[in-house]
Amino acid sequence: MQHSVDARYRPLQALELSELIARAGAAAKERPSNLETMLQCWAEATARHAPLGKMMALQALFERVKIPKPERFASRSVTPADWFLDAYAAARSLPKGRATRGTYQVYVLLLRGVPGSPDDLGLYVGESHLDGAARLAQHLAGINHARVVQRFGIAALPSFCPQLTKLSRKDSRRLEAELAARLKDVMRRYRLSDVHVQGGH
């Protein structure tokens, strides 16, 4: 199921398909692989109904990604998520509103192997005075961590909600919950359970 996404939330739409594949290939070679960029490339190619050969070339990149602590997983491959672009749009379109200025922010992390769905990708929504990459490192190291992220976290997704920064603690918690609710709505449209969105409280 692919939903129509507003052009404002398709950051790679100006690229040719060959450029998308090249960008995804470069992202796959990073250590760890830049899964956010790879998934954006996949989502854009899917939105254009790219030819099967192009999609297979992109799929092959996901079969040899480098993820943090890969020994936790039976396979290093990652299955791209059809919902990614819709989730991105839902996150980017959440307004900050009249939030009180502070030092907190909302962040989104990518999970692989959410409970009950060992091969699926999922999302974790959190709030902190640190950015998503720093929080992912803490989660994986067992510092102020959520067990689900320590076990299944594979990437930070900094482009999801750059507008939700410089918040008071009260507003970061409110927006964290609102974002999680929006992302669960996206998952339901794809007939996926709420377990695909963790955190948010």
N, C-alpha and C. Protein backbone atom coordinates (compact mmCIF):
# COMPACT_ATOMS: atom_id res chain seq x y z
N MET A 1 0.84 -1.19 0.00
CA MET A 1 0.00 0.00 0.00
C MET A 1 0.88 1.24 0.00
N GLN A 2 0.72 2.12 -0.98
CA GLN A 2 1.50 3.35 -1.05
C GLN A 2 0.55 4.52 -1.08
N HIS A 3 0.67 5.41 -0.12
CA HIS A 3 -0.18 6.57 -0.06
C HIS A 3 0.48 7.75 -0.76
N SER A 4 -0.35 8.64 -1.30
CA SER A 4 0.17 9.83 -1.95
C SER A 4 0.71 10.78 -0.89
N VAL A 5 1.95 11.21 -1.06
CA VAL A 5 2.60 12.08 -0.08
C VAL A 5 2.81 13.45 -0.71
N ASP A 6 2.48 14.49 0.03
CA ASP A 6 2.68 15.87 -0.39
C ASP A 6 4.13 16.05 -0.87
N ALA A 7 4.30 16.77 -1.95
CA ALA A 7 5.63 16.97 -2.53
C ALA A 7 6.62 17.61 -1.56
N ARG A 8 6.11 18.37 -0.60
CA ARG A 8 6.99 18.99 0.40
C ARG A 8 7.73 17.95 1.23
N TYR A 9 7.16 16.75 1.29
CA TYR A 9 7.74 15.70 2.13
C TYR A 9 8.39 14.59 1.31
N ARG A 10 8.86 14.97 0.13
CA ARG A 10 9.65 14.06 -0.72
C ARG A 10 10.98 14.73 -1.02
N PRO A 11 11.92 14.67 -0.07
CA PRO A 11 13.16 15.46 -0.19
C PRO A 11 14.06 15.08 -1.35
N LEU A 12 13.87 13.90 -1.94
CA LEU A 12 14.75 13.45 -3.01
C LEU A 12 14.07 13.44 -4.38
N GLN A 13 12.93 14.09 -4.49
CA GLN A 13 12.16 14.00 -5.73
C GLN A 13 12.85 14.62 -6.93
N ALA A 14 13.82 15.51 -6.71
CA ALA A 14 14.51 16.15 -7.83
C ALA A 14 15.60 15.26 -8.44
N LEU A 15 15.94 14.17 -7.77
CA LEU A 15 17.02 13.30 -8.26
C LEU A 15 16.52 12.33 -9.33
N GLU A 16 17.38 12.03 -10.30
CA GLU A 16 17.09 10.98 -11.28
C GLU A 16 17.20 9.63 -10.57
N LEU A 17 16.59 8.60 -11.14
CA LEU A 17 16.64 7.28 -10.52
C LEU A 17 18.08 6.79 -10.37
N SER A 18 18.90 7.06 -11.37
CA SER A 18 20.30 6.64 -11.28
C SER A 18 21.00 7.34 -10.11
N GLU A 19 20.64 8.60 -9.87
CA GLU A 19 21.22 9.33 -8.76
C GLU A 19 20.74 8.78 -7.42
N LEU A 20 19.48 8.37 -7.37
CA LEU A 20 18.95 7.75 -6.15
C LEU A 20 19.72 6.48 -5.80
N ILE A 21 19.96 5.66 -6.81
CA ILE A 21 20.68 4.41 -6.58
C ILE A 21 22.12 4.68 -6.15
N ALA A 22 22.75 5.67 -6.79
CA ALA A 22 24.12 6.02 -6.42
C ALA A 22 24.18 6.55 -4.99
N ARG A 23 23.22 7.37 -4.63
CA ARG A 23 23.19 7.92 -3.26
C ARG A 23 22.96 6.81 -2.24
N ALA A 24 22.04 5.90 -2.56
CA ALA A 24 21.78 4.78 -1.65
C ALA A 24 23.02 3.89 -1.53
N GLY A 25 23.73 3.69 -2.64
CA GLY A 25 24.94 2.88 -2.60
C GLY A 25 26.01 3.49 -1.73
N ALA A 26 26.19 4.81 -1.83
CA ALA A 26 27.18 5.49 -0.98
C ALA A 26 26.77 5.41 0.48
N ALA A 27 25.48 5.54 0.74
CA ALA A 27 24.99 5.46 2.13
C ALA A 27 25.18 4.07 2.71
N ALA A 28 25.03 3.05 1.86
CA ALA A 28 25.20 1.67 2.33
C ALA A 28 26.64 1.39 2.73
N LYS A 29 27.59 2.08 2.11
CA LYS A 29 29.00 1.84 2.38
C LYS A 29 29.50 2.53 3.64
N GLU A 30 28.72 3.46 4.17
CA GLU A 30 29.14 4.12 5.41
C GLU A 30 29.17 3.11 6.55
N ARG A 31 29.90 3.42 7.60
CA ARG A 31 30.00 2.53 8.77
C ARG A 31 29.53 3.27 10.02
N PRO A 32 28.37 2.95 10.59
CA PRO A 32 27.38 2.02 10.04
C PRO A 32 26.70 2.63 8.81
N SER A 33 25.96 1.81 8.08
CA SER A 33 25.27 2.30 6.89
C SER A 33 24.30 3.42 7.28
N ASN A 34 24.17 4.39 6.38
CA ASN A 34 23.24 5.49 6.61
C ASN A 34 21.85 5.04 6.17
N LEU A 35 21.16 4.38 7.08
CA LEU A 35 19.86 3.79 6.73
C LEU A 35 18.81 4.85 6.45
N GLU A 36 18.91 6.00 7.07
CA GLU A 36 17.93 7.05 6.81
C GLU A 36 17.96 7.45 5.34
N THR A 37 19.15 7.68 4.81
CA THR A 37 19.28 8.04 3.39
C THR A 37 18.84 6.89 2.50
N MET A 38 19.23 5.67 2.84
CA MET A 38 18.84 4.51 2.03
C MET A 38 17.33 4.37 1.97
N LEU A 39 16.67 4.56 3.11
CA LEU A 39 15.21 4.42 3.13
C LEU A 39 14.52 5.56 2.41
N GLN A 40 15.11 6.76 2.45
CA GLN A 40 14.55 7.87 1.67
C GLN A 40 14.65 7.56 0.17
N CYS A 41 15.78 6.99 -0.25
CA CYS A 41 15.95 6.63 -1.67
C CYS A 41 14.93 5.56 -2.08
N TRP A 42 14.78 4.56 -1.24
CA TRP A 42 13.80 3.49 -1.51
C TRP A 42 12.39 4.07 -1.61
N ALA A 43 12.04 4.94 -0.65
CA ALA A 43 10.69 5.51 -0.62
C ALA A 43 10.42 6.35 -1.86
N GLU A 44 11.41 7.13 -2.29
CA GLU A 44 11.22 7.96 -3.47
C GLU A 44 11.08 7.10 -4.73
N ALA A 45 11.90 6.07 -4.84
CA ALA A 45 11.79 5.17 -6.00
C ALA A 45 10.44 4.47 -6.02
N THR A 46 9.96 4.08 -4.85
CA THR A 46 8.65 3.44 -4.75
C THR A 46 7.54 4.40 -5.14
N ALA A 47 7.64 5.64 -4.67
CA ALA A 47 6.62 6.65 -4.99
C ALA A 47 6.52 6.89 -6.49
N ARG A 48 7.64 6.70 -7.21
CA ARG A 48 7.65 6.89 -8.67
C ARG A 48 7.30 5.62 -9.43
N HIS A 49 7.05 4.54 -8.72
CA HIS A 49 6.80 3.24 -9.36
C HIS A 49 7.96 2.89 -10.29
N ALA A 50 9.17 2.97 -9.74
CA ALA A 50 10.38 2.70 -10.52
C ALA A 50 10.36 1.29 -11.10
N PRO A 51 11.02 1.08 -12.22
CA PRO A 51 11.05 -0.25 -12.84
C PRO A 51 11.62 -1.30 -11.88
N LEU A 52 11.20 -2.53 -12.10
CA LEU A 52 11.60 -3.63 -11.23
C LEU A 52 13.12 -3.74 -11.10
N GLY A 53 13.84 -3.57 -12.20
CA GLY A 53 15.30 -3.67 -12.15
C GLY A 53 15.93 -2.66 -11.22
N LYS A 54 15.40 -1.42 -11.21
CA LYS A 54 15.92 -0.39 -10.31
C LYS A 54 15.61 -0.73 -8.86
N MET A 55 14.39 -1.23 -8.63
CA MET A 55 14.02 -1.59 -7.26
C MET A 55 14.86 -2.77 -6.76
N MET A 56 15.16 -3.69 -7.64
CA MET A 56 16.00 -4.83 -7.25
C MET A 56 17.42 -4.37 -6.92
N ALA A 57 17.92 -3.39 -7.65
CA ALA A 57 19.25 -2.85 -7.36
C ALA A 57 19.28 -2.19 -5.99
N LEU A 58 18.21 -1.46 -5.67
CA LEU A 58 18.12 -0.86 -4.33
C LEU A 58 17.97 -1.93 -3.26
N GLN A 59 17.14 -2.93 -3.52
CA GLN A 59 16.93 -4.02 -2.56
C GLN A 59 18.25 -4.71 -2.23
N ALA A 60 19.08 -4.90 -3.25
CA ALA A 60 20.36 -5.59 -3.03
C ALA A 60 21.24 -4.83 -2.04
N LEU A 61 21.14 -3.50 -2.02
CA LEU A 61 21.93 -2.71 -1.08
C LEU A 61 21.53 -2.98 0.37
N PHE A 62 20.24 -3.21 0.59
CA PHE A 62 19.75 -3.46 1.94
C PHE A 62 20.16 -4.84 2.45
N GLU A 63 20.61 -5.70 1.54
CA GLU A 63 20.99 -7.05 1.95
C GLU A 63 22.40 -7.13 2.51
N ARG A 64 23.14 -6.02 2.44
CA ARG A 64 24.50 -6.05 2.97
C ARG A 64 24.85 -4.78 3.76
N VAL A 65 23.85 -4.26 4.46
CA VAL A 65 24.08 -3.07 5.26
C VAL A 65 24.93 -3.39 6.49
N LYS A 66 25.56 -2.36 7.00
CA LYS A 66 26.35 -2.47 8.23
C LYS A 66 25.56 -1.74 9.31
N ILE A 67 25.15 -2.47 10.35
CA ILE A 67 24.36 -1.88 11.42
C ILE A 67 25.09 -2.03 12.75
N PRO A 68 24.76 -1.18 13.72
CA PRO A 68 25.44 -1.29 15.02
C PRO A 68 25.21 -2.66 15.65
N LYS A 69 26.24 -3.19 16.23
CA LYS A 69 26.17 -4.47 16.94
C LYS A 69 25.42 -5.53 16.13
N PRO A 70 25.85 -5.82 14.91
CA PRO A 70 25.09 -6.76 14.07
C PRO A 70 25.00 -8.17 14.63
N GLU A 71 25.86 -8.48 15.61
CA GLU A 71 25.78 -9.83 16.17
C GLU A 71 24.46 -10.07 16.90
N ARG A 72 23.71 -9.02 17.17
CA ARG A 72 22.42 -9.20 17.82
C ARG A 72 21.39 -9.81 16.88
N PHE A 73 21.66 -9.76 15.58
CA PHE A 73 20.66 -10.17 14.61
C PHE A 73 21.10 -11.43 13.86
N ALA A 74 20.15 -12.26 13.53
CA ALA A 74 20.46 -13.46 12.76
C ALA A 74 20.94 -13.10 11.36
N SER A 75 20.47 -11.98 10.84
CA SER A 75 20.84 -11.54 9.49
C SER A 75 21.17 -10.06 9.53
N ARG A 76 22.13 -9.65 8.70
CA ARG A 76 22.46 -8.23 8.62
C ARG A 76 21.53 -7.49 7.66
N SER A 77 20.77 -8.21 6.86
CA SER A 77 19.93 -7.55 5.86
C SER A 77 18.79 -6.80 6.54
N VAL A 78 18.33 -5.76 5.87
CA VAL A 78 17.21 -4.96 6.34
C VAL A 78 16.17 -4.92 5.24
N THR A 79 14.92 -5.16 5.59
CA THR A 79 13.83 -5.10 4.62
C THR A 79 13.28 -3.67 4.60
N PRO A 80 13.33 -2.97 3.46
CA PRO A 80 12.82 -1.59 3.42
C PRO A 80 11.35 -1.53 3.81
N ALA A 81 10.98 -0.41 4.40
CA ALA A 81 9.61 -0.22 4.89
C ALA A 81 8.79 0.61 3.91
N ASP A 82 7.65 0.08 3.50
CA ASP A 82 6.79 0.82 2.58
C ASP A 82 6.20 2.07 3.21
N TRP A 83 6.11 2.10 4.53
CA TRP A 83 5.48 3.21 5.24
C TRP A 83 6.43 4.38 5.49
N PHE A 84 7.70 4.27 5.12
CA PHE A 84 8.71 5.23 5.55
C PHE A 84 8.37 6.67 5.16
N LEU A 85 7.99 6.90 3.91
CA LEU A 85 7.74 8.26 3.45
C LEU A 85 6.51 8.85 4.14
N ASP A 86 5.49 8.04 4.38
CA ASP A 86 4.31 8.52 5.09
C ASP A 86 4.65 8.87 6.54
N ALA A 87 5.49 8.06 7.16
CA ALA A 87 5.91 8.34 8.54
C ALA A 87 6.72 9.63 8.59
N TYR A 88 7.60 9.80 7.62
CA TYR A 88 8.42 11.01 7.53
C TYR A 88 7.52 12.24 7.38
N ALA A 89 6.54 12.16 6.51
CA ALA A 89 5.62 13.29 6.30
C ALA A 89 4.83 13.58 7.58
N ALA A 90 4.39 12.54 8.26
CA ALA A 90 3.63 12.73 9.50
C ALA A 90 4.47 13.43 10.55
N ALA A 91 5.74 13.06 10.63
CA ALA A 91 6.64 13.67 11.62
C ALA A 91 6.98 15.11 11.26
N ARG A 92 7.32 15.34 9.99
CA ARG A 92 7.73 16.68 9.56
C ARG A 92 6.58 17.68 9.64
N SER A 93 5.35 17.21 9.51
CA SER A 93 4.20 18.12 9.50
C SER A 93 3.63 18.40 10.89
N LEU A 94 4.21 17.80 11.93
CA LEU A 94 3.73 18.06 13.28
C LEU A 94 4.24 19.44 13.72
N PRO A 95 3.34 20.39 13.98
CA PRO A 95 3.79 21.73 14.34
C PRO A 95 4.29 21.81 15.78
N LYS A 96 5.25 22.65 15.99
CA LYS A 96 5.77 22.89 17.33
C LYS A 96 4.76 23.69 18.16
N GLY A 97 4.01 24.54 17.48
CA GLY A 97 3.02 25.36 18.18
C GLY A 97 3.69 26.39 19.07
N ARG A 98 2.96 26.82 20.06
CA ARG A 98 3.47 27.83 20.98
C ARG A 98 4.19 27.18 22.15
N ALA A 99 5.19 26.41 21.82
CA ALA A 99 5.95 25.71 22.84
C ALA A 99 6.88 26.66 23.56
N THR A 100 7.03 26.43 24.85
CA THR A 100 7.96 27.22 25.66
C THR A 100 9.39 26.82 25.30
N ARG A 101 10.24 27.81 25.18
CA ARG A 101 11.64 27.56 24.81
C ARG A 101 12.37 26.84 25.95
N GLY A 102 13.19 25.88 25.56
CA GLY A 102 13.96 25.14 26.55
C GLY A 102 15.11 24.41 25.89
N THR A 103 15.58 23.35 26.52
CA THR A 103 16.78 22.64 26.04
C THR A 103 16.48 21.22 25.58
N TYR A 104 15.20 20.86 25.48
CA TYR A 104 14.84 19.49 25.12
C TYR A 104 14.41 19.40 23.66
N GLN A 105 14.40 18.18 23.15
CA GLN A 105 13.96 17.92 21.79
C GLN A 105 13.36 16.54 21.68
N VAL A 106 12.57 16.35 20.62
CA VAL A 106 11.99 15.04 20.33
C VAL A 106 12.86 14.38 19.27
N TYR A 107 13.06 13.09 19.38
CA TYR A 107 13.89 12.36 18.40
C TYR A 107 13.20 11.06 18.00
N VAL A 108 13.61 10.54 16.84
CA VAL A 108 13.05 9.28 16.33
C VAL A 108 14.22 8.35 15.99
N LEU A 109 14.09 7.09 16.40
CA LEU A 109 15.08 6.06 16.11
C LEU A 109 14.44 4.95 15.29
N LEU A 110 15.27 4.27 14.50
CA LEU A 110 14.81 3.15 13.70
C LEU A 110 15.10 1.85 14.44
N LEU A 111 14.11 0.98 14.49
CA LEU A 111 14.25 -0.33 15.13
C LEU A 111 14.17 -1.41 14.07
N ARG A 112 14.88 -2.49 14.29
CA ARG A 112 14.74 -3.68 13.44
C ARG A 112 14.46 -4.87 14.34
N GLY A 113 13.34 -5.55 14.09
CA GLY A 113 12.97 -6.69 14.90
C GLY A 113 12.10 -6.30 16.06
N VAL A 114 11.06 -5.49 15.80
CA VAL A 114 10.17 -5.09 16.88
C VAL A 114 9.49 -6.32 17.47
N PRO A 115 9.10 -6.27 18.75
CA PRO A 115 8.49 -7.44 19.40
C PRO A 115 7.33 -8.01 18.59
N GLY A 116 7.40 -9.28 18.32
CA GLY A 116 6.33 -9.95 17.57
C GLY A 116 6.49 -9.87 16.07
N SER A 117 7.42 -9.06 15.59
CA SER A 117 7.65 -8.90 14.15
C SER A 117 9.15 -8.88 13.90
N PRO A 118 9.82 -10.02 13.99
CA PRO A 118 11.28 -10.07 14.00
C PRO A 118 11.98 -9.51 12.77
N ASP A 119 11.31 -9.47 11.62
CA ASP A 119 11.95 -8.97 10.41
C ASP A 119 11.51 -7.56 10.03
N ASP A 120 10.57 -7.00 10.80
CA ASP A 120 10.02 -5.70 10.45
C ASP A 120 10.84 -4.55 11.01
N LEU A 121 10.77 -3.42 10.33
CA LEU A 121 11.30 -2.19 10.87
C LEU A 121 10.22 -1.51 11.70
N GLY A 122 10.65 -0.76 12.67
CA GLY A 122 9.73 0.01 13.51
C GLY A 122 10.40 1.31 13.92
N LEU A 123 9.70 2.10 14.71
CA LEU A 123 10.19 3.39 15.14
C LEU A 123 10.11 3.52 16.66
N TYR A 124 11.01 4.27 17.20
CA TYR A 124 10.98 4.61 18.62
C TYR A 124 10.98 6.13 18.72
N VAL A 125 10.07 6.68 19.52
CA VAL A 125 9.97 8.12 19.72
C VAL A 125 10.39 8.44 21.15
N GLY A 126 11.32 9.36 21.29
CA GLY A 126 11.78 9.76 22.61
C GLY A 126 11.96 11.25 22.71
N GLU A 127 12.29 11.71 23.91
CA GLU A 127 12.59 13.13 24.11
C GLU A 127 13.75 13.23 25.09
N SER A 128 14.61 14.21 24.85
CA SER A 128 15.82 14.33 25.64
C SER A 128 16.45 15.69 25.39
N HIS A 129 17.45 16.03 26.21
CA HIS A 129 18.24 17.23 25.90
C HIS A 129 19.35 16.89 24.90
N LEU A 130 19.50 15.59 24.58
CA LEU A 130 20.47 15.13 23.58
C LEU A 130 19.77 14.86 22.26
N ASP A 131 20.55 14.84 21.16
CA ASP A 131 19.95 14.52 19.86
C ASP A 131 19.81 13.00 19.71
N GLY A 132 19.15 12.60 18.63
CA GLY A 132 18.85 11.20 18.44
C GLY A 132 20.08 10.30 18.36
N ALA A 133 21.12 10.76 17.67
CA ALA A 133 22.32 9.94 17.53
C ALA A 133 22.98 9.70 18.89
N ALA A 134 23.04 10.75 19.71
CA ALA A 134 23.62 10.60 21.05
C ALA A 134 22.77 9.70 21.92
N ARG A 135 21.46 9.83 21.80
CA ARG A 135 20.58 8.97 22.60
C ARG A 135 20.66 7.52 22.14
N LEU A 136 20.77 7.28 20.82
CA LEU A 136 20.92 5.92 20.35
C LEU A 136 22.16 5.29 20.95
N ALA A 137 23.26 6.03 20.95
CA ALA A 137 24.50 5.51 21.53
C ALA A 137 24.31 5.17 23.01
N GLN A 138 23.60 6.02 23.72
CA GLN A 138 23.34 5.74 25.13
C GLN A 138 22.47 4.50 25.30
N HIS A 139 21.39 4.42 24.53
CA HIS A 139 20.50 3.25 24.61
C HIS A 139 21.30 1.96 24.38
N LEU A 140 22.12 1.96 23.34
CA LEU A 140 22.87 0.75 23.01
C LEU A 140 23.90 0.40 24.09
N ALA A 141 24.38 1.43 24.78
CA ALA A 141 25.37 1.22 25.85
C ALA A 141 24.71 0.92 27.19
N GLY A 142 23.39 0.96 27.23
CA GLY A 142 22.69 0.68 28.48
C GLY A 142 22.63 1.86 29.43
N ILE A 143 22.77 3.08 28.91
CA ILE A 143 22.73 4.29 29.73
C ILE A 143 21.37 4.96 29.58
N ASN A 144 20.63 5.07 30.69
CA ASN A 144 19.28 5.67 30.64
C ASN A 144 18.51 5.12 29.44
N HIS A 145 18.50 3.82 29.31
CA HIS A 145 18.03 3.20 28.07
C HIS A 145 16.62 2.62 28.17
N ALA A 146 16.03 2.50 26.99
CA ALA A 146 14.81 1.72 26.83
C ALA A 146 15.25 0.34 26.33
N ARG A 147 14.75 -0.70 26.95
CA ARG A 147 15.18 -2.04 26.58
C ARG A 147 14.95 -2.33 25.10
N VAL A 148 13.83 -1.86 24.55
CA VAL A 148 13.52 -2.16 23.15
C VAL A 148 14.57 -1.53 22.23
N VAL A 149 15.10 -0.36 22.58
CA VAL A 149 16.13 0.26 21.75
C VAL A 149 17.46 -0.44 21.94
N GLN A 150 17.77 -0.81 23.16
CA GLN A 150 19.03 -1.51 23.40
C GLN A 150 19.08 -2.81 22.60
N ARG A 151 17.95 -3.47 22.47
CA ARG A 151 17.90 -4.74 21.75
C ARG A 151 17.74 -4.57 20.24
N PHE A 152 17.00 -3.56 19.81
CA PHE A 152 16.60 -3.49 18.41
C PHE A 152 16.99 -2.20 17.68
N GLY A 153 17.56 -1.21 18.36
CA GLY A 153 17.88 0.06 17.72
C GLY A 153 19.00 -0.07 16.70
N ILE A 154 18.81 0.50 15.51
CA ILE A 154 19.85 0.41 14.47
C ILE A 154 20.23 1.75 13.85
N ALA A 155 19.44 2.80 14.05
CA ALA A 155 19.79 4.08 13.43
C ALA A 155 18.98 5.21 14.04
N ALA A 156 19.57 6.41 14.03
CA ALA A 156 18.83 7.62 14.35
C ALA A 156 18.26 8.18 13.05
N LEU A 157 17.14 8.88 13.16
CA LEU A 157 16.49 9.47 11.99
C LEU A 157 16.36 10.98 12.21
N PRO A 158 17.47 11.71 12.12
CA PRO A 158 17.45 13.14 12.46
C PRO A 158 16.58 14.01 11.57
N SER A 159 16.30 13.56 10.35
CA SER A 159 15.50 14.40 9.46
C SER A 159 14.00 14.32 9.76
N PHE A 160 13.59 13.44 10.66
CA PHE A 160 12.16 13.25 10.91
C PHE A 160 11.51 14.45 11.60
N CYS A 161 12.17 15.03 12.58
CA CYS A 161 11.49 16.11 13.31
C CYS A 161 12.46 17.20 13.76
N PRO A 162 13.18 17.82 12.81
CA PRO A 162 14.11 18.88 13.19
C PRO A 162 13.42 20.12 13.76
N GLN A 163 12.11 20.22 13.53
CA GLN A 163 11.38 21.37 14.06
C GLN A 163 11.06 21.23 15.55
N LEU A 164 11.20 20.02 16.09
CA LEU A 164 10.82 19.78 17.48
C LEU A 164 12.05 19.85 18.38
N THR A 165 12.67 21.01 18.39
CA THR A 165 13.87 21.24 19.20
C THR A 165 13.67 22.50 20.05
N LYS A 166 14.60 22.70 20.99
CA LYS A 166 14.58 23.88 21.87
C LYS A 166 13.24 23.99 22.59
N LEU A 167 12.85 22.90 23.22
CA LEU A 167 11.56 22.79 23.89
C LEU A 167 11.74 22.72 25.40
N SER A 168 10.72 23.18 26.13
CA SER A 168 10.68 22.92 27.57
C SER A 168 10.43 21.43 27.78
N ARG A 169 10.71 20.92 28.95
CA ARG A 169 10.49 19.50 29.22
C ARG A 169 9.01 19.15 29.06
N LYS A 170 8.15 20.02 29.55
CA LYS A 170 6.70 19.78 29.43
C LYS A 170 6.28 19.67 27.97
N ASP A 171 6.76 20.58 27.13
CA ASP A 171 6.37 20.55 25.72
C ASP A 171 7.02 19.40 24.96
N SER A 172 8.25 19.04 25.33
CA SER A 172 8.88 17.91 24.64
C SER A 172 8.12 16.62 24.93
N ARG A 173 7.65 16.46 26.15
CA ARG A 173 6.86 15.26 26.49
C ARG A 173 5.53 15.25 25.76
N ARG A 174 4.89 16.43 25.67
CA ARG A 174 3.61 16.52 24.95
C ARG A 174 3.80 16.19 23.48
N LEU A 175 4.80 16.78 22.85
CA LEU A 175 5.02 16.56 21.42
C LEU A 175 5.52 15.15 21.14
N GLU A 176 6.28 14.57 22.07
CA GLU A 176 6.69 13.17 21.93
C GLU A 176 5.47 12.27 21.83
N ALA A 177 4.49 12.48 22.71
CA ALA A 177 3.26 11.67 22.70
C ALA A 177 2.45 11.92 21.43
N GLU A 178 2.38 13.18 20.99
CA GLU A 178 1.62 13.50 19.77
C GLU A 178 2.27 12.86 18.55
N LEU A 179 3.60 12.90 18.49
CA LEU A 179 4.28 12.30 17.36
C LEU A 179 4.09 10.78 17.34
N ALA A 180 4.21 10.14 18.48
CA ALA A 180 4.00 8.70 18.53
C ALA A 180 2.59 8.34 18.05
N ALA A 181 1.61 9.12 18.46
CA ALA A 181 0.22 8.86 18.03
C ALA A 181 0.09 9.01 16.52
N ARG A 182 0.71 10.01 15.94
CA ARG A 182 0.67 10.20 14.48
C ARG A 182 1.32 9.01 13.76
N LEU A 183 2.45 8.58 14.28
CA LEU A 183 3.15 7.47 13.63
C LEU A 183 2.37 6.16 13.76
N LYS A 184 1.69 5.96 14.85
CA LYS A 184 0.85 4.77 14.98
C LYS A 184 -0.30 4.81 13.98
N ASP A 185 -0.84 6.00 13.73
CA ASP A 185 -1.88 6.14 12.71
C ASP A 185 -1.36 5.72 11.34
N VAL A 186 -0.12 6.11 11.03
CA VAL A 186 0.49 5.71 9.76
C VAL A 186 0.58 4.19 9.69
N MET A 187 1.06 3.56 10.74
CA MET A 187 1.20 2.10 10.75
C MET A 187 -0.15 1.42 10.55
N ARG A 188 -1.17 1.96 11.18
CA ARG A 188 -2.51 1.35 11.03
C ARG A 188 -2.99 1.43 9.59
N ARG A 189 -2.65 2.51 8.89
CA ARG A 189 -3.04 2.61 7.48
C ARG A 189 -2.38 1.53 6.64
N TYR A 190 -1.25 1.04 7.11
CA TYR A 190 -0.55 -0.06 6.44
C TYR A 190 -0.88 -1.41 7.07
N ARG A 191 -1.94 -1.41 7.87
CA ARG A 191 -2.40 -2.64 8.54
C ARG A 191 -1.33 -3.26 9.43
N LEU A 192 -0.57 -2.40 10.09
CA LEU A 192 0.44 -2.84 11.04
C LEU A 192 0.01 -2.46 12.45
N SER A 193 0.43 -3.24 13.41
CA SER A 193 0.02 -3.01 14.78
C SER A 193 0.80 -1.87 15.43
N ASP A 194 0.29 -1.40 16.56
CA ASP A 194 0.94 -0.32 17.29
C ASP A 194 2.31 -0.70 17.80
N VAL A 195 2.63 -1.98 17.83
CA VAL A 195 3.95 -2.40 18.32
C VAL A 195 5.07 -1.87 17.43
N HIS A 196 4.74 -1.43 16.23
CA HIS A 196 5.74 -0.88 15.32
C HIS A 196 6.18 0.52 15.71
N VAL A 197 5.52 1.13 16.67
CA VAL A 197 5.94 2.43 17.21
C VAL A 197 6.10 2.27 18.72
N GLN A 198 7.31 2.41 19.20
CA GLN A 198 7.62 2.27 20.61
C GLN A 198 7.94 3.64 21.21
N GLY A 199 7.93 3.71 22.54
CA GLY A 199 8.22 4.96 23.21
C GLY A 199 7.02 5.88 23.17
N GLY A 200 7.29 7.18 23.13
CA GLY A 200 6.20 8.14 23.03
C GLY A 200 5.48 8.43 24.32
N HIS A 201 6.13 8.19 25.46
CA HIS A 201 5.48 8.46 26.75
C HIS A 201 6.49 8.91 27.78
